Amino acid sequence: MQAQAGTSGFDWAVGEEIVIASTSYDHNEAETRFITAIGTDSADTTKPKLTLDSPLVFKHYAATETYGTDTIDMRAEVGLLTRNVKYQGDPETSPKNKYGAHIMIHYPEDESCIGRILYTEFFNVGQAFKLGRYPIHFHVIGTVAKSIVKGNAIH
């Protein structure tokens, strides 16, 4: 179910997973939730209103503050984690062993290798304590000027 017109181009759907960033000094206060309903704010129908699968545990600061002539709008970032294509490590052993899937693009330094990884969800990826075993790794292939990594969700 897609969000309806009148929600400022908002295209998230019921069932998708989001992350709400921490607004404190503790990065562990970021929270993930699933969207269970989408509506609009009754005061401003251009603003979407999300219903989540469970209440948030931590406070996420949101306010507009003015310092002299500067006004700062401070709010938690919210990101969509769900993508149509999902690349993942083993759901049972990867988190426990910190040893997940990874993509390595490698060719002998002549830049003829091109990698394009767009709008993909990466889950249980990367290998802790292993040099070069990041979720996405361009290994010794020059400047990779024709390659692109864009719009991905890594968690």
Protein backbone atom coordinates (compact mmCIF):
# COMPACT_ATOMS: atom_id res chain seq x y z
CA MET A 1 0.00 0.00 0.00
CA GLN A 2 1.66 3.23 -1.15
CA ALA A 3 1.09 6.58 0.52
CA GLN A 4 -1.59 8.55 -1.29
CA ALA A 5 -1.30 11.88 -3.15
CA GLY A 6 -1.15 14.94 -0.94
CA THR A 7 1.79 13.59 1.08
CA SER A 8 4.51 15.67 -0.62
CA GLY A 9 5.79 12.91 -2.86
CA PHE A 10 6.10 10.55 0.10
CA ASP A 11 6.38 7.05 -1.31
CA TRP A 12 7.07 4.81 1.67
CA ALA A 13 4.71 1.87 2.11
CA VAL A 14 3.11 -0.09 4.93
CA GLY A 15 5.38 -2.98 5.91
CA GLU A 16 8.64 -1.18 5.13
CA GLU A 17 11.38 -0.75 7.74
CA ILE A 18 12.73 2.65 8.78
CA VAL A 19 15.50 3.86 11.08
CA ILE A 20 15.20 6.90 13.35
CA ALA A 21 18.64 8.35 14.14
CA SER A 22 19.75 9.13 17.67
CA THR A 23 19.60 12.78 18.69
CA SER A 24 21.76 12.23 21.78
CA TYR A 25 25.46 11.55 22.07
CA ASP A 26 24.75 7.80 22.21
CA HIS A 27 24.56 6.32 18.72
CA ASN A 28 22.97 3.19 20.23
CA GLU A 29 19.75 5.19 20.64
CA ALA A 30 18.99 4.86 16.91
CA GLU A 31 15.86 2.75 16.51
CA THR A 32 14.35 0.67 13.73
CA ARG A 33 10.61 0.15 13.29
CA PHE A 34 8.17 -1.13 10.68
CA ILE A 35 5.45 1.10 9.21
CA THR A 36 1.95 -0.21 10.00
CA ALA A 37 -0.13 2.69 8.64
CA ILE A 38 0.32 5.91 6.66
CA GLY A 39 -1.93 8.93 6.88
CA THR A 40 -1.58 12.71 6.95
CA ASP A 41 -1.22 15.23 9.73
CA SER A 42 -4.66 16.74 10.39
CA ALA A 43 -3.12 20.21 10.82
CA ASP A 44 -1.11 20.00 7.55
CA THR A 45 -2.23 17.43 4.96
CA THR A 46 1.05 17.78 3.05
CA LYS A 47 2.88 16.13 5.96
CA PRO A 48 2.73 12.34 6.21
CA LYS A 49 1.89 10.70 9.51
CA LEU A 50 3.34 7.24 10.15
CA THR A 51 2.09 4.61 12.58
CA LEU A 52 4.85 2.27 13.72
CA ASP A 53 4.76 -1.33 14.95
CA SER A 54 5.88 -0.35 18.47
CA PRO A 55 6.54 2.82 20.47
CA LEU A 56 10.00 4.38 20.39
CA VAL A 57 12.14 3.61 23.43
CA PHE A 58 14.33 6.74 23.36
CA LYS A 59 13.52 10.43 23.10
CA HIS A 60 14.32 11.94 19.71
CA TYR A 61 14.70 15.70 20.05
CA ALA A 62 12.83 17.91 17.59
CA ALA A 63 12.65 21.69 17.76
CA THR A 64 13.42 24.91 15.98
CA GLU A 65 15.90 27.04 17.91
CA THR A 66 17.10 30.59 17.28
CA TYR A 67 20.57 31.83 18.17
CA GLY A 68 20.97 35.52 17.34
CA THR A 69 19.92 35.79 13.69
CA ASP A 70 20.35 32.07 12.95
CA THR A 71 17.43 29.66 13.12
CA ILE A 72 18.22 25.96 13.27
CA ASP A 73 15.65 23.23 12.64
CA MET A 74 16.91 20.25 14.66
CA ARG A 75 15.29 16.85 14.18
CA ALA A 76 16.30 13.21 13.97
CA GLU A 77 17.02 11.89 10.51
CA VAL A 78 14.69 9.13 9.38
CA GLY A 79 15.83 6.72 6.71
CA LEU A 80 14.13 4.01 4.71
CA LEU A 81 15.95 0.68 5.09
CA THR A 82 13.74 -1.46 2.85
CA ARG A 83 14.75 -1.88 -0.79
CA ASN A 84 13.42 -4.08 -3.62
CA VAL A 85 16.72 -5.97 -3.84
CA LYS A 86 18.20 -7.41 -0.64
CA TYR A 87 21.74 -8.79 -0.32
CA GLN A 88 22.29 -10.48 3.01
CA GLY A 89 24.46 -12.73 5.12
CA ASP A 90 23.15 -15.74 6.97
CA PRO A 91 20.47 -14.49 9.40
CA GLU A 92 21.38 -17.07 12.05
CA THR A 93 25.19 -17.02 12.10
CA SER A 94 26.25 -13.64 10.65
CA PRO A 95 25.21 -11.45 13.62
CA LYS A 96 26.60 -13.91 16.19
CA ASN A 97 29.95 -14.38 14.42
CA LYS A 98 30.19 -10.81 13.01
CA TYR A 99 30.92 -12.50 9.70
CA GLY A 100 28.46 -11.55 6.97
CA ALA A 101 28.28 -11.29 3.21
CA HIS A 102 30.42 -8.81 1.28
CA ILE A 103 30.91 -7.65 -2.29
CA MET A 104 34.45 -7.21 -3.57
CA ILE A 105 35.07 -5.68 -6.98
CA HIS A 106 38.64 -6.33 -8.10
CA TYR A 107 40.59 -6.04 -11.32
CA PRO A 108 44.27 -5.24 -11.99
CA GLU A 109 44.44 -1.42 -11.62
CA ASP A 110 43.47 -0.41 -15.16
CA GLU A 111 40.02 1.04 -14.39
CA SER A 112 38.33 -1.22 -16.94
CA CYS A 113 36.26 -2.74 -14.14
CA ILE A 114 33.03 -0.82 -13.48
CA GLY A 115 30.78 -1.48 -10.49
CA ARG A 116 27.30 0.01 -10.16
CA ILE A 117 25.41 -0.79 -6.98
CA LEU A 118 22.16 1.17 -6.74
CA TYR A 119 19.21 1.13 -4.32
CA THR A 120 20.02 -2.22 -2.73
CA GLU A 121 19.44 -3.27 0.87
CA PHE A 122 22.46 -4.84 2.58
CA PHE A 123 21.73 -6.78 5.77
CA ASN A 124 24.10 -8.84 7.95
CA VAL A 125 27.03 -7.73 5.81
CA GLY A 126 30.70 -7.03 6.42
CA GLN A 127 33.21 -9.14 8.31
CA ALA A 128 34.48 -7.76 11.60
CA PHE A 129 38.21 -7.89 12.27
CA LYS A 130 38.94 -8.77 8.60
CA LEU A 131 40.78 -6.08 6.65
CA GLY A 132 39.07 -5.35 3.32
CA ARG A 133 35.88 -7.28 4.10
CA TYR A 134 33.55 -4.29 4.14
CA PRO A 135 29.96 -4.61 2.85
CA ILE A 136 31.08 -3.06 -0.49
CA HIS A 137 34.79 -2.99 -1.38
CA PHE A 138 36.46 -1.71 -4.55
CA HIS A 139 39.88 -3.41 -4.25
CA VAL A 140 42.93 -1.93 -6.00
CA ILE A 141 41.16 -0.84 -9.18
CA GLY A 142 42.23 2.78 -9.48
CA THR A 143 39.98 5.82 -9.24
CA VAL A 144 36.74 3.97 -10.18
CA ALA A 145 35.51 7.12 -11.93
CA LYS A 146 32.83 5.21 -13.87
CA SER A 147 31.59 3.25 -10.85
CA ILE A 148 28.77 4.29 -8.53
CA VAL A 149 27.35 3.27 -5.16
CA LYS A 150 24.11 5.19 -4.55
CA GLY A 151 20.87 4.98 -2.57
CA ASN A 152 21.80 1.81 -0.69
CA ALA A 153 20.74 0.87 2.85
CA ILE A 154 23.42 -0.93 4.87
CA HIS A 155 22.39 -2.30 8.27
